[in-house]
Amino acid sequence: MAKEQLPEVETRLYINGKWLDGSEDPIAIINPATGDTLAKVQAGGKKEVKSAIKAANDAFSEWSEKSPAERATLMNKMADLVEEDSERLAKIMTMEQGKPLTQAKGEIQTNVENLRWNAAEGQRLLGEIVPSPATNQWQVRKQAVGVVGAITPWNFPSNMIIRKISPAIAAGCTVILKPSKQTPLSALALMELFDKAGFPAGVVNIVLGDSSTIGTILSESDDVQKITFTGSTEVGQTLNEQAAPTLKNVSMELGGHAPYIIFPDADIERAVETLIQTKFINNGQVCTSPNRIFVHKDIKQKVTDRIVEAIKDVTVGNGLDDPTTGPLINQDGVEKVVAQLKDATDKGAKILAGGHKLTDGEYADGFFFEPTVLDGVTKDMDIFYQETFGPVIPLITFEDEEAVIKDANDTEFGLASYFFATNIHTIDNVSNKLQYGMVGVNDTDISNSATPFGGVKHSGFGRENGTYGVEEYVEVKFVNIRTAK
């Protein structure tokens, strides 16, 4: 197993253009592949959060009044720096979060694309002139919403940050970032580059520390005009409640429980190959990961045999060795997978491959779990309704198109969904009736800079990416100008 040193990275808070020590106890960052402590980062509390809010408020007027082209210049400079520093950024991410190095490098490249896309999109926030029946001039203007509190998760510790910050600053907002305390090093490395790029003090700030404390202050502050959050539905509900009294703008990208339906006329090889590739990205720790695999009874055995065979080629290891998939984030992640499997097997499901935590040799000190295939899953099992953040493929047999649509929609979540079919009537019917914000047909590539990303139901509201992403950070103002006496 690879044993390497963490690249040099800042460990302090970044507020109002300055690196500062925090007033709370430092936070230890653990490598999930080895159990080693990588670093201790500074943590802040109420004082630091309020300082960051003040800094962002003070910076807002000047930043929002800059031309979109001026903001775009700095954002493109930031994109250049991220690209130049991609090797270091990827290694930091792999060591603190666990994902394979190739996947980490891909995430960094997505940051570059997000920055460049939003730099351009910020210059296309067009207003309009509405024809008036009188001599008045009617204008519709789009203006930055204000100070943004951005709260991001650990599973994509770099891109979730850029995907929120880049449209916000492109629109003219200023930002206070609160990253996951499990993976703050990737966030701090990005802050180094924002500083190096020359963004004015207070435009981008980072506060590390207790999630409840920081989230509450950001949500309840009258000086924060928007909260953008990616994480669990439960935390999202809490943040919404806290933000309600101030009536601030809120957008939420929450949990998912994606169905993956293979119809009898599907290209089986493509469906299985795509499933294996997608399921083990970040070891299944992805809100859009396929979680309920519905297979038509006529092809069930063939598909099952092919999945069990294909999973043998999935390699597990330290992300620095660039296997197919790495460790789970922590022991809690392991225990959740174990609990779901036990519940399912106690109720009649059968494990066809995997099913255990890896503990021998190079796996001894990390949070590794075998790639697992679970057959005979039914609706009375927890895994049918609970999101699985782990390397488990649960197989469910179906017979009828309308019935499988109903079962696929039988969840509180509505983020991503996938199905494989060739019949045009099936494609039209199923894509229309799936109650999800995103539908992949014969493909799982549903996230890129140019297209909207987000869900419905308990998977949240609001959209990231595309033209819709920047629109989340503006208010629409109507101006009526009387042009005649």
Protein backbone atom coordinates (compact mmCIF):
# COMPACT_ATOMS: atom_id res chain seq x y z
CA MET A 1 0.00 0.00 0.00
CA ALA A 2 1.26 3.46 -0.89
CA LYS A 3 2.76 5.48 1.95
CA GLU A 4 3.31 9.08 1.00
CA GLN A 5 3.48 12.46 2.67
CA LEU A 6 0.63 14.93 2.41
CA PRO A 7 1.54 17.81 0.07
CA GLU A 8 2.07 21.11 1.81
CA VAL A 9 -1.25 22.84 2.43
CA GLU A 10 -2.53 25.69 4.58
CA THR A 11 -4.39 24.69 7.76
CA ARG A 12 -5.73 28.04 9.01
CA LEU A 13 -8.97 29.92 8.44
CA TYR A 14 -9.16 32.40 5.57
CA ILE A 15 -11.18 35.50 6.43
CA ASN A 16 -11.08 38.92 4.78
CA GLY A 17 -7.99 38.03 2.76
CA LYS A 18 -5.96 36.87 5.78
CA TRP A 19 -4.95 33.48 7.17
CA LEU A 20 -5.97 33.27 10.82
CA ASP A 21 -5.79 30.86 13.72
CA GLY A 22 -9.11 29.72 15.17
CA SER A 23 -10.43 30.02 18.70
CA GLU A 24 -11.69 26.42 18.95
CA ASP A 25 -9.85 23.11 19.31
CA PRO A 26 -8.06 22.02 16.11
CA ILE A 27 -9.62 19.25 14.03
CA ALA A 28 -7.63 16.10 13.18
CA ILE A 29 -7.94 14.93 9.57
CA ILE A 30 -7.75 11.16 9.10
CA ASN A 31 -6.69 9.27 5.97
CA PRO A 32 -9.50 6.69 5.52
CA ALA A 33 -7.15 4.31 3.71
CA THR A 34 -4.54 4.10 6.48
CA GLY A 35 -6.07 5.55 9.64
CA ASP A 36 -3.16 8.00 9.86
CA THR A 37 -3.64 11.58 11.02
CA LEU A 38 -2.74 13.73 8.02
CA ALA A 39 -2.94 17.15 9.66
CA LYS A 40 -4.73 19.26 12.23
CA VAL A 41 -6.64 22.25 10.95
CA GLN A 42 -7.67 25.37 12.80
CA ALA A 43 -11.31 25.64 13.87
CA GLY A 44 -13.44 28.68 14.50
CA GLY A 45 -16.65 29.41 16.37
CA LYS A 46 -19.14 32.26 16.65
CA LYS A 47 -16.46 34.95 16.59
CA GLU A 48 -14.90 33.74 13.36
CA VAL A 49 -18.22 33.17 11.60
CA LYS A 50 -19.39 36.67 12.44
CA SER A 51 -16.06 38.09 11.27
CA ALA A 52 -16.45 36.24 7.96
CA ILE A 53 -20.02 37.54 7.52
CA LYS A 54 -18.83 41.09 8.15
CA ALA A 55 -15.96 40.67 5.70
CA ALA A 56 -18.28 39.33 3.01
CA ASN A 57 -20.79 42.12 3.64
CA ASP A 58 -18.10 44.79 3.46
CA ALA A 59 -16.75 43.35 0.21
CA PHE A 60 -20.13 42.91 -1.47
CA SER A 61 -20.72 46.45 -2.74
CA GLU A 62 -17.39 46.73 -4.52
CA TRP A 63 -17.45 43.18 -5.89
CA SER A 64 -21.03 43.34 -7.16
CA GLU A 65 -20.33 46.65 -8.87
CA LYS A 66 -17.41 45.27 -10.84
CA SER A 67 -18.25 44.50 -14.44
CA PRO A 68 -18.98 40.86 -15.28
CA ALA A 69 -15.89 40.94 -17.49
CA GLU A 70 -13.69 41.99 -14.56
CA ARG A 71 -15.06 39.18 -12.43
CA ALA A 72 -14.58 36.76 -15.32
CA THR A 73 -10.92 37.74 -15.67
CA LEU A 74 -10.21 36.77 -12.08
CA MET A 75 -12.22 33.57 -12.40
CA ASN A 76 -10.29 32.52 -15.49
CA LYS A 77 -7.06 33.25 -13.65
CA MET A 78 -8.31 31.01 -10.85
CA ALA A 79 -9.07 28.30 -13.43
CA ASP A 80 -5.51 28.55 -14.74
CA LEU A 81 -4.10 28.17 -11.22
CA VAL A 82 -6.30 25.16 -10.48
CA GLU A 83 -5.17 23.51 -13.70
CA GLU A 84 -1.52 24.22 -12.99
CA ASP A 85 -1.86 22.85 -9.45
CA SER A 86 -4.00 19.85 -10.37
CA GLU A 87 -1.50 17.17 -9.28
CA ARG A 88 -1.20 18.58 -5.76
CA LEU A 89 -4.93 19.21 -5.42
CA ALA A 90 -5.76 15.67 -6.54
CA LYS A 91 -3.27 14.08 -4.16
CA ILE A 92 -4.59 16.08 -1.22
CA MET A 93 -8.13 14.97 -2.07
CA THR A 94 -7.20 11.31 -2.38
CA MET A 95 -5.36 11.29 0.92
CA GLU A 96 -8.10 12.97 2.96
CA GLN A 97 -11.16 11.51 1.24
CA GLY A 98 -9.99 8.18 -0.20
CA LYS A 99 -11.12 8.29 -3.83
CA PRO A 100 -8.74 6.88 -6.47
CA LEU A 101 -6.26 9.35 -7.91
CA THR A 102 -7.69 9.22 -11.43
CA GLN A 103 -11.13 10.15 -10.09
CA ALA A 104 -9.61 12.94 -8.00
CA LYS A 105 -7.83 14.34 -11.06
CA GLY A 106 -11.11 14.22 -12.96
CA GLU A 107 -12.80 16.19 -10.19
CA ILE A 108 -10.12 18.87 -10.35
CA GLN A 109 -10.52 19.15 -14.11
CA THR A 110 -14.26 19.59 -13.58
CA ASN A 111 -13.39 22.54 -11.32
CA VAL A 112 -11.54 24.15 -14.22
CA GLU A 113 -14.54 23.63 -16.50
CA ASN A 114 -16.97 25.00 -13.87
CA LEU A 115 -14.88 28.13 -13.34
CA ARG A 116 -14.58 28.86 -17.05
CA TRP A 117 -18.24 28.11 -17.75
CA ASN A 118 -19.50 30.37 -14.97
CA ALA A 119 -17.01 33.11 -15.83
CA ALA A 120 -18.68 33.24 -19.24
CA GLU A 121 -22.21 32.68 -17.93
CA GLY A 122 -21.87 35.62 -15.55
CA GLN A 123 -21.46 37.83 -18.60
CA ARG A 124 -24.72 36.47 -20.05
CA LEU A 125 -26.96 37.46 -17.13
CA LEU A 126 -29.07 39.50 -19.48
CA GLY A 127 -31.91 41.75 -18.46
CA GLU A 128 -34.57 42.92 -20.88
CA ILE A 129 -36.57 45.89 -22.05
CA VAL A 130 -40.30 45.14 -21.96
CA PRO A 131 -42.37 47.00 -24.58
CA SER A 132 -44.49 49.65 -22.86
CA PRO A 133 -47.85 50.89 -24.15
CA ALA A 134 -46.96 54.35 -22.88
CA THR A 135 -43.82 56.46 -23.16
CA ASN A 136 -42.32 54.80 -20.10
CA GLN A 137 -39.35 52.47 -20.37
CA TRP A 138 -39.79 49.13 -18.58
CA GLN A 139 -36.56 47.42 -17.58
CA VAL A 140 -35.92 44.03 -16.00
CA ARG A 141 -32.53 43.86 -14.29
CA LYS A 142 -30.72 40.94 -12.63
CA GLN A 143 -28.64 41.78 -9.59
CA ALA A 144 -26.55 39.72 -7.16
CA VAL A 145 -28.58 38.37 -4.23
CA GLY A 146 -25.89 39.31 -1.67
CA VAL A 147 -23.78 37.37 0.81
CA VAL A 148 -23.90 33.59 0.37
CA GLY A 149 -23.33 30.91 2.99
CA ALA A 150 -22.11 27.79 1.17
CA ILE A 151 -22.06 24.49 3.06
CA THR A 152 -20.43 21.54 1.28
CA PRO A 153 -20.02 17.77 1.87
CA TRP A 154 -17.05 15.42 2.09
CA ASN A 155 -17.71 13.11 -0.86
CA PHE A 156 -16.73 15.65 -3.53
CA PRO A 157 -14.58 17.90 -1.33
CA SER A 158 -13.31 20.10 -4.15
CA ASN A 159 -15.93 20.25 -6.89
CA MET A 160 -18.89 20.84 -4.59
CA ILE A 161 -17.07 23.97 -3.46
CA ILE A 162 -16.31 25.30 -6.94
CA ARG A 163 -19.78 24.37 -8.18
CA LYS A 164 -21.23 26.72 -5.57
CA ILE A 165 -18.63 29.47 -5.37
CA SER A 166 -18.08 29.98 -9.10
CA PRO A 167 -21.68 30.88 -10.07
CA ALA A 168 -22.03 32.95 -6.89
CA ILE A 169 -19.01 35.14 -7.54
CA ALA A 170 -19.79 35.30 -11.26
CA ALA A 171 -23.15 36.84 -10.36
CA GLY A 172 -21.47 39.36 -8.02
CA CYS A 173 -22.08 37.66 -4.66
CA THR A 174 -19.54 37.20 -1.89
CA VAL A 175 -19.19 33.89 -0.08
CA ILE A 176 -18.55 32.31 3.32
CA LEU A 177 -17.63 28.65 2.80
CA LYS A 178 -18.15 25.99 5.44
CA PRO A 179 -16.66 22.70 4.13
CA SER A 180 -17.00 19.30 5.77
CA LYS A 181 -14.71 18.93 8.77
CA GLN A 182 -13.80 15.48 7.47
CA THR A 183 -12.25 16.86 4.27
CA PRO A 184 -11.25 20.51 4.78
CA LEU A 185 -7.79 20.26 3.22
CA SER A 186 -9.12 20.34 -0.34
CA ALA A 187 -11.10 23.47 0.54
CA LEU A 188 -8.07 25.15 2.10
CA ALA A 189 -5.95 24.33 -0.94
CA LEU A 190 -8.54 26.07 -3.13
CA MET A 191 -8.53 29.10 -0.82
CA GLU A 192 -4.78 29.36 -1.34
CA LEU A 193 -5.44 29.69 -5.06
CA PHE A 194 -8.26 32.22 -4.65
CA ASP A 195 -5.80 34.28 -2.62
CA LYS A 196 -3.06 33.85 -5.20
CA ALA A 197 -5.42 34.79 -8.04
CA GLY A 198 -5.93 38.19 -6.42
CA PHE A 199 -9.59 38.16 -5.45
CA PRO A 200 -10.37 41.18 -3.26
CA ALA A 201 -10.40 40.60 0.51
CA GLY A 202 -13.74 39.32 1.76
CA VAL A 203 -15.05 38.00 -1.56
CA VAL A 204 -14.28 34.39 -0.60
CA ASN A 205 -13.88 33.29 3.03
CA ILE A 206 -13.59 29.93 4.76
CA VAL A 207 -14.55 28.97 8.30
CA LEU A 208 -13.87 25.48 9.67
CA GLY A 209 -15.42 24.05 12.80
CA ASP A 210 -18.58 22.65 14.31
CA SER A 211 -21.21 22.20 11.59
CA SER A 212 -24.17 22.95 13.83
CA THR A 213 -22.69 26.17 15.19
CA ILE A 214 -21.57 27.55 11.85
CA GLY A 215 -24.68 26.44 9.96
CA THR A 216 -26.99 27.99 12.54
CA ILE A 217 -25.24 31.37 12.50
CA LEU A 218 -25.17 31.53 8.69
CA SER A 219 -28.82 30.48 8.41
CA GLU A 220 -30.11 32.88 11.05
CA SER A 221 -28.04 35.93 10.08
CA ASP A 222 -29.88 38.84 8.49
CA ASP A 223 -26.62 39.73 6.75
CA VAL A 224 -26.53 36.45 4.80
CA GLN A 225 -28.98 36.60 1.90
CA LYS A 226 -28.63 33.03 0.60
CA ILE A 227 -27.79 29.54 1.85
CA THR A 228 -26.65 26.88 -0.60
CA PHE A 229 -26.22 23.41 0.84
CA THR A 230 -25.28 19.94 -0.35
CA GLY A 231 -25.71 17.11 2.13
CA SER A 232 -28.28 14.98 3.89
CA THR A 233 -32.00 15.63 3.76
CA GLU A 234 -32.15 15.79 7.57
CA VAL A 235 -29.56 18.59 7.79
CA GLY A 236 -31.19 20.37 4.85
CA GLN A 237 -34.51 20.40 6.68
CA THR A 238 -32.84 21.89 9.76
CA LEU A 239 -31.13 24.62 7.75
CA ASN A 240 -34.43 25.48 6.06
CA GLU A 241 -36.12 25.84 9.43
CA GLN A 242 -33.32 28.05 10.72
CA ALA A 243 -33.36 30.22 7.60
CA ALA A 244 -37.14 30.65 7.51
CA PRO A 245 -37.44 33.58 9.96
CA THR A 246 -35.11 35.71 7.81
CA LEU A 247 -36.88 34.64 4.59
CA LYS A 248 -33.55 34.17 2.84
CA ASN A 249 -33.01 32.54 -0.51
CA VAL A 250 -32.18 28.83 -0.07
CA SER A 251 -31.13 26.08 -2.47
CA MET A 252 -30.63 22.46 -1.46
CA GLU A 253 -29.02 19.44 -3.13
CA LEU A 254 -29.88 16.62 -0.77
CA GLY A 255 -29.98 12.83 -0.68
CA GLY A 256 -30.66 10.44 -3.52
CA HIS A 257 -31.67 6.82 -4.02
CA ALA A 258 -31.32 6.31 -7.76
CA PRO A 259 -33.15 3.50 -9.54
CA TYR A 260 -31.33 1.74 -12.38
CA ILE A 261 -33.77 -0.15 -14.58
CA ILE A 262 -32.72 -2.70 -17.21
CA PHE A 263 -35.56 -3.51 -19.61
CA PRO A 264 -35.64 -6.76 -21.60
CA ASP A 265 -34.70 -5.07 -24.89
CA ALA A 266 -31.69 -3.28 -23.37
CA ASP A 267 -28.12 -3.67 -24.56
CA ILE A 268 -27.14 -5.90 -21.65
CA GLU A 269 -23.39 -5.54 -22.06
CA ARG A 270 -23.63 -1.76 -22.05
CA ALA A 271 -26.05 -1.75 -19.13
CA VAL A 272 -23.79 -3.95 -16.99
CA GLU A 273 -20.56 -2.21 -17.97
CA THR A 274 -22.07 1.19 -17.21
CA LEU A 275 -23.45 -0.04 -13.89
CA ILE A 276 -20.06 -1.33 -12.75
CA GLN A 277 -18.31 1.87 -13.84
CA THR A 278 -20.85 4.16 -12.18
CA LYS A 279 -21.58 2.24 -9.00
CA PHE A 280 -17.98 2.14 -7.81
CA ILE A 281 -17.13 5.78 -8.44
CA ASN A 282 -16.05 7.01 -5.02
CA ASN A 283 -16.97 3.56 -3.69
CA GLY A 284 -20.68 4.26 -4.08
CA GLN A 285 -20.46 7.37 -1.90
CA VAL A 286 -22.25 9.54 -4.44
CA CYS A 287 -25.76 10.99 -4.18
CA THR A 288 -26.41 10.00 -7.81
CA SER A 289 -25.04 6.46 -7.43
CA PRO A 290 -27.28 3.62 -8.74
CA ASN A 291 -28.84 2.19 -5.58
CA ARG A 292 -31.78 0.02 -6.64
CA ILE A 293 -31.09 -2.18 -9.66
CA PHE A 294 -34.35 -3.34 -11.27
CA VAL A 295 -33.88 -6.14 -13.83
CA HIS A 296 -36.64 -7.65 -15.98
CA LYS A 297 -37.34 -11.30 -15.17
CA ASP A 298 -36.69 -12.44 -18.76
CA ILE A 299 -33.05 -11.33 -18.60
CA LYS A 300 -32.54 -11.51 -14.84
CA GLN A 301 -30.28 -14.54 -14.75
CA LYS A 302 -28.15 -13.38 -17.65
CA VAL A 303 -27.70 -9.92 -16.17
CA THR A 304 -26.98 -11.30 -12.71
CA ASP A 305 -24.32 -13.69 -14.00
CA ARG A 306 -22.70 -10.90 -15.98
CA ILE A 307 -22.63 -8.55 -12.96
CA VAL A 308 -21.12 -11.19 -10.69
CA GLU A 309 -18.44 -11.89 -13.29
CA ALA A 310 -17.71 -8.21 -13.96
CA ILE A 311 -17.36 -7.34 -10.29
CA LYS A 312 -14.34 -9.65 -10.07
CA ASP A 313 -12.37 -7.04 -12.01
CA VAL A 314 -13.14 -4.26 -9.52
CA THR A 315 -10.01 -3.53 -7.51
CA VAL A 316 -10.04 -2.05 -4.01
CA GLY A 317 -7.17 -0.20 -2.37
CA ASN A 318 -5.47 3.00 -1.31
CA GLY A 319 -6.53 5.74 -3.71
CA LEU A 320 -2.88 6.68 -4.31
CA ASP A 321 -2.40 3.27 -5.95
CA ASP A 322 -5.29 4.21 -8.27
CA PRO A 323 -7.53 1.14 -7.94
CA THR A 324 -11.11 0.97 -9.22
CA THR A 325 -12.38 2.11 -5.86
CA GLY A 326 -11.01 3.15 -2.47
CA PRO A 327 -12.14 3.07 1.17
CA LEU A 328 -15.35 4.28 2.72
CA ILE A 329 -15.00 7.60 4.52
CA ASN A 330 -15.11 6.26 8.11
CA GLN A 331 -16.26 3.47 10.40
CA ASP A 332 -19.82 4.82 10.45
CA GLY A 333 -19.94 4.32 6.68
CA VAL A 334 -18.83 0.72 7.08
CA GLU A 335 -21.37 0.03 9.81
CA LYS A 336 -24.25 1.41 7.73
CA VAL A 337 -23.43 -0.98 4.87
CA VAL A 338 -23.08 -3.90 7.28
CA ALA A 339 -26.45 -3.08 8.89
CA GLN A 340 -28.25 -2.89 5.54
CA LEU A 341 -26.80 -6.21 4.41
CA LYS A 342 -27.72 -7.93 7.66
CA ASP A 343 -31.27 -6.63 7.51
CA ALA A 344 -31.62 -7.80 3.89
CA THR A 345 -30.16 -11.27 4.43
CA ASP A 346 -32.21 -11.76 7.59
CA LYS A 347 -35.28 -11.13 5.42
CA GLY A 348 -34.28 -13.53 2.66
CA ALA A 349 -31.86 -11.73 0.34
CA LYS A 350 -28.72 -13.56 -0.77
CA ILE A 351 -25.18 -12.22 -1.09
CA LEU A 352 -23.76 -13.39 -4.42
CA ALA A 353 -20.39 -11.64 -4.10
CA GLY A 354 -18.54 -9.72 -1.41
CA GLY A 355 -20.39 -8.71 1.72
CA HIS A 356 -17.57 -8.12 4.19
CA LYS A 357 -15.25 -5.44 5.47
CA LEU A 358 -11.67 -6.01 4.30
CA THR A 359 -9.35 -6.36 7.28
CA ASP A 360 -6.24 -8.29 6.25
CA GLY A 361 -2.80 -6.95 5.37
CA GLU A 362 -2.87 -3.59 3.61
CA TYR A 363 -6.54 -3.17 4.50
CA ALA A 364 -6.09 -3.57 8.25
CA ASP A 365 -6.14 0.10 9.26
CA GLY A 366 -8.52 1.50 6.68
CA PHE A 367 -12.27 1.50 6.01
CA PHE A 368 -12.38 -0.90 3.07
CA PHE A 369 -15.39 -2.97 2.03
CA GLU A 370 -15.74 -5.67 -0.60
CA PRO A 371 -17.67 -4.87 -3.78
CA THR A 372 -20.96 -6.62 -3.11
CA VAL A 373 -23.86 -8.07 -5.12
CA LEU A 374 -27.10 -8.65 -3.21
CA ASP A 375 -29.92 -10.61 -4.88
CA GLY A 376 -33.56 -11.08 -3.97
CA VAL A 377 -34.12 -7.57 -2.61
CA THR A 378 -37.74 -6.76 -1.72
CA LYS A 379 -39.64 -3.75 -0.43
CA ASP A 380 -39.65 -4.96 3.17
CA MET A 381 -35.86 -4.51 3.38
CA ASP A 382 -34.19 -1.30 4.57
CA ILE A 383 -31.94 -1.16 1.53
CA PHE A 384 -34.97 -0.64 -0.73
CA TYR A 385 -35.77 2.69 0.92
CA GLN A 386 -32.55 3.84 2.58
CA GLU A 387 -29.80 5.47 0.55
CA THR A 388 -26.73 3.21 0.38
CA PHE A 389 -23.46 5.12 0.55
CA GLY A 390 -21.32 2.11 -0.23
CA PRO A 391 -20.26 -0.56 -2.76
CA VAL A 392 -23.46 -2.63 -2.87
CA ILE A 393 -25.44 -3.63 -5.97
CA PRO A 394 -28.95 -4.67 -4.80
CA LEU A 395 -30.85 -6.64 -7.47
CA ILE A 396 -34.66 -6.44 -7.74
CA THR A 397 -36.73 -8.44 -10.23
CA PHE A 398 -39.63 -6.84 -12.14
CA GLU A 399 -42.10 -7.92 -14.82
CA ASP A 400 -44.22 -4.93 -15.84
CA GLU A 401 -43.22 -1.50 -17.14
CA GLU A 402 -45.82 0.52 -15.24
CA ALA A 403 -45.19 -1.46 -12.06
CA VAL A 404 -41.42 -0.83 -12.14
CA ILE A 405 -42.01 2.89 -12.74
CA LYS A 406 -44.21 2.90 -9.63
CA ASP A 407 -41.56 1.04 -7.60
CA ALA A 408 -38.78 3.31 -8.88
CA ASN A 409 -40.80 6.33 -7.72
CA ASP A 410 -41.58 4.70 -4.36
CA THR A 411 -39.07 6.78 -2.41
CA GLU A 412 -38.95 10.17 -0.76
CA PHE A 413 -35.96 11.04 -2.95
CA GLY A 414 -35.96 12.36 -6.50
CA LEU A 415 -32.44 13.25 -7.62
CA ALA A 416 -31.05 10.90 -10.30
CA SER A 417 -32.53 7.93 -12.16
CA TYR A 418 -31.34 5.68 -14.97
CA PHE A 419 -32.80 3.10 -17.31
CA PHE A 420 -31.68 1.06 -20.29
CA ALA A 421 -34.02 0.28 -23.19
CA THR A 422 -34.17 0.56 -26.98
CA ASN A 423 -37.91 0.73 -27.63
CA ILE A 424 -38.78 4.37 -28.33
CA HIS A 425 -42.18 4.06 -26.64
CA THR A 426 -40.55 2.73 -23.47
CA ILE A 427 -37.96 5.50 -23.55
CA ASP A 428 -40.60 8.21 -23.93
CA ASN A 429 -42.97 6.74 -21.33
CA VAL A 430 -40.43 5.97 -18.62
CA SER A 431 -38.42 9.18 -18.95
CA ASN A 432 -41.65 11.17 -18.66
CA LYS A 433 -43.00 9.30 -15.62
CA LEU A 434 -39.86 8.95 -13.48
CA GLN A 435 -40.18 11.51 -10.67
CA TYR A 436 -36.57 12.68 -10.67
CA GLY A 437 -34.73 15.87 -11.50
CA MET A 438 -32.37 13.96 -13.79
CA VAL A 439 -32.89 10.92 -16.01
CA GLY A 440 -30.13 9.01 -17.79
CA VAL A 441 -31.30 6.88 -20.72
CA ASN A 442 -28.75 4.25 -21.78
CA ASP A 443 -26.15 6.41 -20.02
CA THR A 444 -25.30 7.72 -16.56
CA ASP A 445 -23.46 10.92 -17.51
CA ILE A 446 -25.89 13.41 -16.00
CA SER A 447 -23.53 15.97 -14.47
CA ASN A 448 -21.58 18.54 -16.43
CA SER A 449 -21.02 22.28 -16.42
CA ALA A 450 -23.53 23.04 -19.16
CA THR A 451 -26.62 21.18 -17.89
CA PRO A 452 -28.84 21.64 -14.80
CA PHE A 453 -28.14 19.44 -11.78
CA GLY A 454 -30.68 18.98 -8.98
CA GLY A 455 -33.63 17.04 -7.69
CA VAL A 456 -37.25 17.05 -6.60
CA LYS A 457 -39.15 15.82 -3.54
CA HIS A 458 -36.80 15.30 -0.56
CA SER A 459 -33.77 15.56 -2.82
CA GLY A 460 -34.07 19.33 -2.62
CA PHE A 461 -34.74 22.32 -4.83
CA GLY A 462 -32.78 24.74 -6.94
CA ARG A 463 -30.31 23.85 -9.67
CA GLU A 464 -26.56 23.95 -10.12
CA ASN A 465 -24.61 24.13 -13.40
CA GLY A 466 -25.78 25.40 -16.76
CA THR A 467 -27.57 28.70 -17.20
CA TYR A 468 -29.69 27.78 -14.18
CA GLY A 469 -26.73 27.72 -11.78
CA VAL A 470 -25.93 31.44 -11.98
CA GLU A 471 -29.63 32.34 -11.89
CA GLU A 472 -29.77 30.91 -8.35
CA TYR A 473 -27.61 33.84 -7.18
CA VAL A 474 -29.53 36.79 -8.60
CA GLU A 475 -32.69 38.72 -7.83
CA VAL A 476 -34.91 40.12 -10.54
CA LYS A 477 -35.63 43.85 -10.29
CA PHE A 478 -38.24 45.72 -12.31
CA VAL A 479 -37.51 49.37 -13.11
CA ASN A 480 -40.17 51.67 -14.59
CA ILE A 481 -38.66 54.88 -16.03
CA ARG A 482 -41.05 57.64 -17.04
CA THR A 483 -39.54 59.21 -20.14
CA ALA A 484 -42.10 61.95 -20.87
CA LYS A 485 -43.83 64.67 -18.95
